[in-house]
Amino acid sequence: MKKYFALLLSAAMVLSLAGCGGGKDARTIYDEASKKTSELQEMDIETTAAMTMTQGDQTIDLSTTMDIQMTGANTDDMKYLAAGKTTMAGQDIDMKMYYEGGYYYMETMGQKIKYAMDLNQLMEQVKQSTEGANMESSYMKEIKAKKDGDNQVLTFTADAEKMDSYVQDIMGSMSGAIAGAEDIAYKIKSASGEAVVNKDGYFSSMNIKMSMDMTVQGETVGVEMDTNAVYHNPGQAVTLTAPDLEGYQEIDPAALGTQQ
């Protein structure tokens, strides 16, 4: 089952941040909040994902946490910082990623590496993790809104058939970075969630629960996924503290399977 972990982690990050109430209907609130949040040049987001994977009588629990900060999006001065942890079988794996000046820095499991990365490529990666690959409200078969003080709380249920294609497209787009991503078939059994839109029209939190099967080379793994994202002070300035960049070994990005 280890071959599924990188794919699931990527999917969890994407789905946990998918951009998913007044005289406006719930679908309009959703669409406007998704657009407004996606246009932010500065972000401070905390994500968590808890997954249970089952294959036959074997079950594995996996959880991830990630803090993401970004400034200067879509500019030559863009900076991106992410730090998190993956926990599996009682073991923790810490990871840190940073981007500045055309280089991507990564530290995990005692190794510190860096490699050149085009800004456009980084932005595609960021969009996958912060915009849910442009998930549209058309993927939802039902969206409801209710007021909670100054906030609007949106609850939604996804169309499972449309979500099959959505997840397949997301993972297919990652095929250059994760070997075998394009060869896995997904069957979404159910998906639902809740998003909170603050008084300024930005998403302030997102929760998605999903049940699905993944099949590759005739083997099927059942996945139960619960993802959450909290947007800290959306629309406000973000203070990003760069890590110490000494001691990183430069490598050829082709060694990681990344596309340039």
Protein backbone atom coordinates (compact mmCIF):
# COMPACT_ATOMS: atom_id res chain seq x y z
CA MET A 1 0.00 0.00 0.00
CA LYS A 2 2.98 2.36 0.30
CA LYS A 3 2.79 3.21 -3.39
CA TYR A 4 -0.49 5.01 -2.70
CA PHE A 5 0.76 7.33 0.04
CA ALA A 6 2.33 10.10 -2.09
CA LEU A 7 -0.78 10.17 -4.28
CA LEU A 8 -3.10 10.37 -1.29
CA LEU A 9 -1.08 13.13 0.35
CA SER A 10 -1.24 15.20 -2.83
CA ALA A 11 -4.96 14.56 -3.20
CA ALA A 12 -5.54 15.45 0.44
CA MET A 13 -3.79 18.80 0.05
CA VAL A 14 -5.75 19.59 -3.06
CA LEU A 15 -9.13 18.52 -1.72
CA SER A 16 -8.62 20.10 1.67
CA LEU A 17 -8.26 23.50 -0.01
CA ALA A 18 -10.86 23.23 -2.74
CA GLY A 19 -12.75 26.50 -3.22
CA CYS A 20 -16.20 25.09 -2.46
CA GLY A 21 -25.40 33.49 2.58
CA GLY A 22 -28.07 38.12 2.26
CA GLY A 23 -30.09 37.95 -0.73
CA LYS A 24 -27.69 35.81 -2.78
CA ASP A 25 -28.26 32.11 -3.34
CA ALA A 26 -25.74 29.64 -1.96
CA ARG A 27 -24.19 28.81 -5.33
CA THR A 28 -23.51 32.50 -6.04
CA ILE A 29 -21.94 32.96 -2.61
CA TYR A 30 -19.75 29.94 -3.28
CA ASP A 31 -18.61 31.16 -6.71
CA GLU A 32 -17.87 34.70 -5.55
CA ALA A 33 -15.92 33.53 -2.48
CA SER A 34 -13.95 31.05 -4.59
CA LYS A 35 -12.96 33.76 -7.08
CA LYS A 36 -12.11 36.34 -4.43
CA THR A 37 -10.03 33.91 -2.35
CA SER A 38 -8.15 32.62 -5.40
CA GLU A 39 -7.07 36.16 -6.31
CA LEU A 40 -5.26 36.77 -3.00
CA GLN A 41 -1.58 37.58 -3.41
CA GLU A 42 -0.87 36.79 0.24
CA MET A 43 -2.13 33.72 2.12
CA ASP A 44 -1.71 32.07 5.52
CA ILE A 45 -3.41 28.66 5.59
CA GLU A 46 -3.41 25.72 8.00
CA THR A 47 -4.51 22.34 6.64
CA THR A 48 -5.07 18.92 8.16
CA ALA A 49 -6.01 15.62 6.56
CA ALA A 50 -6.91 12.32 8.22
CA MET A 51 -7.16 9.21 6.05
CA THR A 52 -7.95 5.56 6.61
CA MET A 53 -6.90 3.20 3.81
CA THR A 54 -8.25 -0.34 3.63
CA GLN A 55 -7.18 -3.21 1.39
CA GLY A 56 -8.59 -6.61 2.34
CA ASP A 57 -8.04 -7.05 6.07
CA GLN A 58 -5.21 -4.48 6.16
CA THR A 59 -5.96 -0.98 7.43
CA ILE A 60 -3.58 1.96 7.69
CA ASP A 61 -4.26 5.36 9.25
CA LEU A 62 -2.41 8.36 7.88
CA SER A 63 -2.59 12.01 8.91
CA THR A 64 -0.93 15.18 7.70
CA THR A 65 -0.73 18.76 8.90
CA MET A 66 0.63 21.66 6.87
CA ASP A 67 1.06 25.39 7.46
CA ILE A 68 1.35 27.37 4.23
CA GLN A 69 2.32 31.03 3.81
CA MET A 70 2.66 32.90 0.55
CA THR A 71 3.49 36.49 -0.41
CA GLY A 72 3.84 38.22 -3.76
CA ALA A 73 1.85 35.63 -5.71
CA ASN A 74 2.27 35.95 -9.49
CA THR A 75 5.18 38.38 -9.11
CA ASP A 76 8.96 37.99 -9.49
CA ASP A 77 9.24 38.50 -5.73
CA MET A 78 6.98 35.59 -4.82
CA LYS A 79 7.86 33.67 -1.67
CA TYR A 80 6.25 30.41 -0.55
CA LEU A 81 6.78 28.64 2.77
CA ALA A 82 5.21 25.35 3.86
CA ALA A 83 5.97 23.28 6.96
CA GLY A 84 4.20 20.18 8.12
CA LYS A 85 4.21 16.65 9.39
CA THR A 86 2.98 13.26 8.24
CA THR A 87 2.12 10.63 10.83
CA MET A 88 1.79 6.94 10.00
CA ALA A 89 2.11 3.82 12.16
CA GLY A 90 3.21 5.95 15.09
CA GLN A 91 6.04 7.56 13.14
CA ASP A 92 6.30 11.25 12.27
CA ILE A 93 7.96 12.65 9.16
CA ASP A 94 8.61 16.38 9.26
CA MET A 95 8.93 18.40 6.06
CA LYS A 96 9.69 21.99 5.08
CA MET A 97 9.44 23.62 1.65
CA TYR A 98 10.43 27.12 0.61
CA TYR A 99 10.57 29.06 -2.68
CA GLU A 100 12.47 32.25 -3.40
CA GLY A 101 14.44 33.68 -6.30
CA GLY A 102 13.79 30.86 -8.73
CA TYR A 103 14.79 28.07 -6.34
CA TYR A 104 12.71 25.50 -4.48
CA TYR A 105 14.17 24.35 -1.14
CA MET A 106 13.05 21.14 0.59
CA GLU A 107 14.07 19.61 3.91
CA THR A 108 12.85 16.21 5.12
CA MET A 109 14.22 13.10 6.81
CA GLY A 110 17.56 14.78 7.50
CA GLN A 111 18.13 15.85 3.90
CA LYS A 112 18.22 19.42 2.57
CA ILE A 113 18.02 19.87 -1.20
CA LYS A 114 17.32 22.72 -3.60
CA TYR A 115 16.66 22.95 -7.33
CA ALA A 116 15.75 25.56 -9.91
CA MET A 117 12.02 25.96 -10.50
CA ASP A 118 10.23 28.24 -12.94
CA LEU A 119 7.79 30.65 -11.32
CA ASN A 120 4.98 29.50 -13.60
CA GLN A 121 5.56 25.91 -12.54
CA LEU A 122 5.43 26.90 -8.88
CA MET A 123 2.19 28.81 -9.43
CA GLU A 124 0.61 25.72 -10.95
CA GLN A 125 1.66 23.76 -7.88
CA VAL A 126 0.32 26.46 -5.57
CA LYS A 127 -2.99 26.60 -7.43
CA GLN A 128 -3.40 22.84 -7.03
CA SER A 129 -2.98 23.19 -3.29
CA THR A 130 -4.82 26.47 -2.68
CA GLU A 131 -7.58 26.54 -5.28
CA GLY A 132 -8.56 22.90 -5.53
CA ALA A 133 -7.66 22.88 -9.24
CA ASN A 134 -10.47 25.39 -9.90
CA MET A 135 -13.23 23.16 -8.63
CA GLU A 136 -16.51 24.70 -9.74
CA SER A 137 -19.85 24.79 -8.00
CA SER A 138 -21.19 22.67 -10.86
CA TYR A 139 -19.60 19.68 -9.10
CA MET A 140 -22.06 20.19 -6.26
CA LYS A 141 -25.53 18.76 -6.59
CA GLU A 142 -26.75 20.64 -3.54
CA ILE A 143 -25.49 23.76 -1.74
CA LYS A 144 -27.24 25.44 1.19
CA ALA A 145 -26.40 28.65 3.04
CA LYS A 146 -27.26 29.95 6.47
CA LYS A 147 -26.21 33.04 8.42
CA ASP A 148 -23.97 32.72 11.49
CA GLY A 149 -23.35 36.21 12.79
CA ASP A 150 -21.34 38.05 10.13
CA ASN A 151 -20.47 34.77 8.39
CA GLN A 152 -22.24 32.62 5.82
CA VAL A 153 -22.02 28.86 6.39
CA LEU A 154 -22.28 26.80 3.21
CA THR A 155 -23.02 23.09 3.38
CA PHE A 156 -22.77 21.01 0.23
CA THR A 157 -23.08 17.53 -1.22
CA ALA A 158 -21.05 16.63 -4.28
CA ASP A 159 -22.20 14.80 -7.39
CA ALA A 160 -20.20 11.57 -7.09
CA GLU A 161 -20.01 10.99 -10.85
CA LYS A 162 -18.66 14.47 -11.53
CA MET A 163 -16.21 14.10 -8.66
CA ASP A 164 -14.79 10.96 -10.30
CA SER A 165 -13.69 13.07 -13.26
CA TYR A 166 -12.55 15.92 -11.02
CA VAL A 167 -10.22 13.75 -8.94
CA GLN A 168 -8.94 11.94 -12.03
CA ASP A 169 -8.09 15.30 -13.65
CA ILE A 170 -6.29 16.51 -10.51
CA MET A 171 -4.15 13.41 -10.17
CA GLY A 172 -3.51 13.24 -13.91
CA SER A 173 -2.13 16.78 -13.78
CA MET A 174 0.35 15.56 -11.17
CA SER A 175 1.70 12.77 -13.36
CA GLY A 176 4.87 14.70 -14.07
CA ALA A 177 5.72 14.93 -10.38
CA ILE A 178 4.34 11.62 -9.09
CA ALA A 179 5.03 8.52 -11.12
CA GLY A 180 1.93 6.49 -11.93
CA ALA A 181 -0.58 9.19 -10.97
CA GLU A 182 -2.21 9.10 -14.38
CA ASP A 183 -2.74 5.31 -14.27
CA ILE A 184 -4.99 5.21 -11.21
CA ALA A 185 -8.79 5.05 -11.50
CA TYR A 186 -10.98 6.70 -8.87
CA LYS A 187 -14.53 5.91 -7.85
CA ILE A 188 -16.07 8.46 -5.53
CA LYS A 189 -18.75 6.93 -3.32
CA SER A 190 -19.71 10.08 -1.44
CA ALA A 191 -18.42 13.60 -0.79
CA SER A 192 -19.80 16.39 1.35
CA GLY A 193 -18.55 19.34 3.30
CA GLU A 194 -18.92 22.75 4.85
CA ALA A 195 -17.34 26.10 4.02
CA VAL A 196 -17.47 29.35 5.97
CA VAL A 197 -17.42 32.69 4.12
CA ASN A 198 -16.51 35.69 6.27
CA LYS A 199 -18.01 39.16 6.19
CA ASP A 200 -15.43 40.28 3.62
CA GLY A 201 -16.41 37.55 1.17
CA TYR A 202 -13.37 35.28 1.64
CA PHE A 203 -13.36 31.65 2.66
CA SER A 204 -12.26 31.39 6.30
CA SER A 205 -12.51 27.60 6.60
CA MET A 206 -13.31 24.49 4.59
CA ASN A 207 -14.08 20.90 5.55
CA ILE A 208 -14.55 18.03 3.10
CA LYS A 209 -15.34 14.40 3.86
CA MET A 210 -14.91 11.87 1.07
CA SER A 211 -15.24 8.14 0.61
CA MET A 212 -13.65 6.62 -2.49
CA ASP A 213 -11.97 3.59 -4.07
CA MET A 214 -8.64 3.78 -5.91
CA THR A 215 -7.72 1.07 -8.39
CA VAL A 216 -4.36 0.50 -10.05
CA GLN A 217 -3.06 -2.64 -11.73
CA GLY A 218 -6.13 -4.55 -10.62
CA GLU A 219 -5.75 -3.71 -6.94
CA THR A 220 -8.32 -1.59 -5.10
CA VAL A 221 -7.78 0.45 -1.94
CA GLY A 222 -10.69 1.95 -0.04
CA VAL A 223 -10.09 5.48 1.28
CA GLU A 224 -11.98 7.48 3.89
CA MET A 225 -10.72 11.06 3.95
CA ASP A 226 -11.51 14.01 6.23
CA THR A 227 -9.75 17.25 5.30
CA ASN A 228 -9.82 20.71 6.82
CA ALA A 229 -8.40 24.10 5.93
CA VAL A 230 -8.35 27.34 7.94
CA TYR A 231 -7.55 30.62 6.19
CA HIS A 232 -5.97 32.99 8.72
CA ASN A 233 -7.00 36.62 8.27
CA PRO A 234 -7.67 36.39 4.51
CA GLY A 235 -7.15 39.70 2.75
CA GLN A 236 -4.66 40.92 5.35
CA ALA A 237 -0.88 41.23 4.99
CA VAL A 238 1.13 38.08 5.71
CA THR A 239 4.50 38.12 7.48
CA LEU A 240 6.67 35.33 6.07
CA THR A 241 9.97 34.53 7.80
CA ALA A 242 12.45 32.89 5.44
CA PRO A 243 14.38 29.89 6.78
CA ASP A 244 18.18 29.68 6.89
CA LEU A 245 19.13 28.66 3.34
CA GLU A 246 22.66 27.49 4.15
CA GLY A 247 23.54 23.83 3.71
CA TYR A 248 21.12 22.90 0.91
CA GLN A 249 22.56 20.64 -1.79
CA GLU A 250 21.59 21.58 -5.33
CA ILE A 251 20.28 18.73 -7.48
CA ASP A 252 18.94 18.19 -10.97
CA PRO A 253 15.11 18.44 -10.72
CA ALA A 254 14.87 15.61 -13.25
CA ALA A 255 16.03 13.31 -10.45
CA LEU A 256 12.70 13.97 -8.72
CA GLY A 257 10.63 13.47 -11.86
CA THR A 258 9.52 17.11 -11.93
CA GLN A 259 8.81 18.81 -15.24
CA GLN A 260 10.60 21.96 -16.28
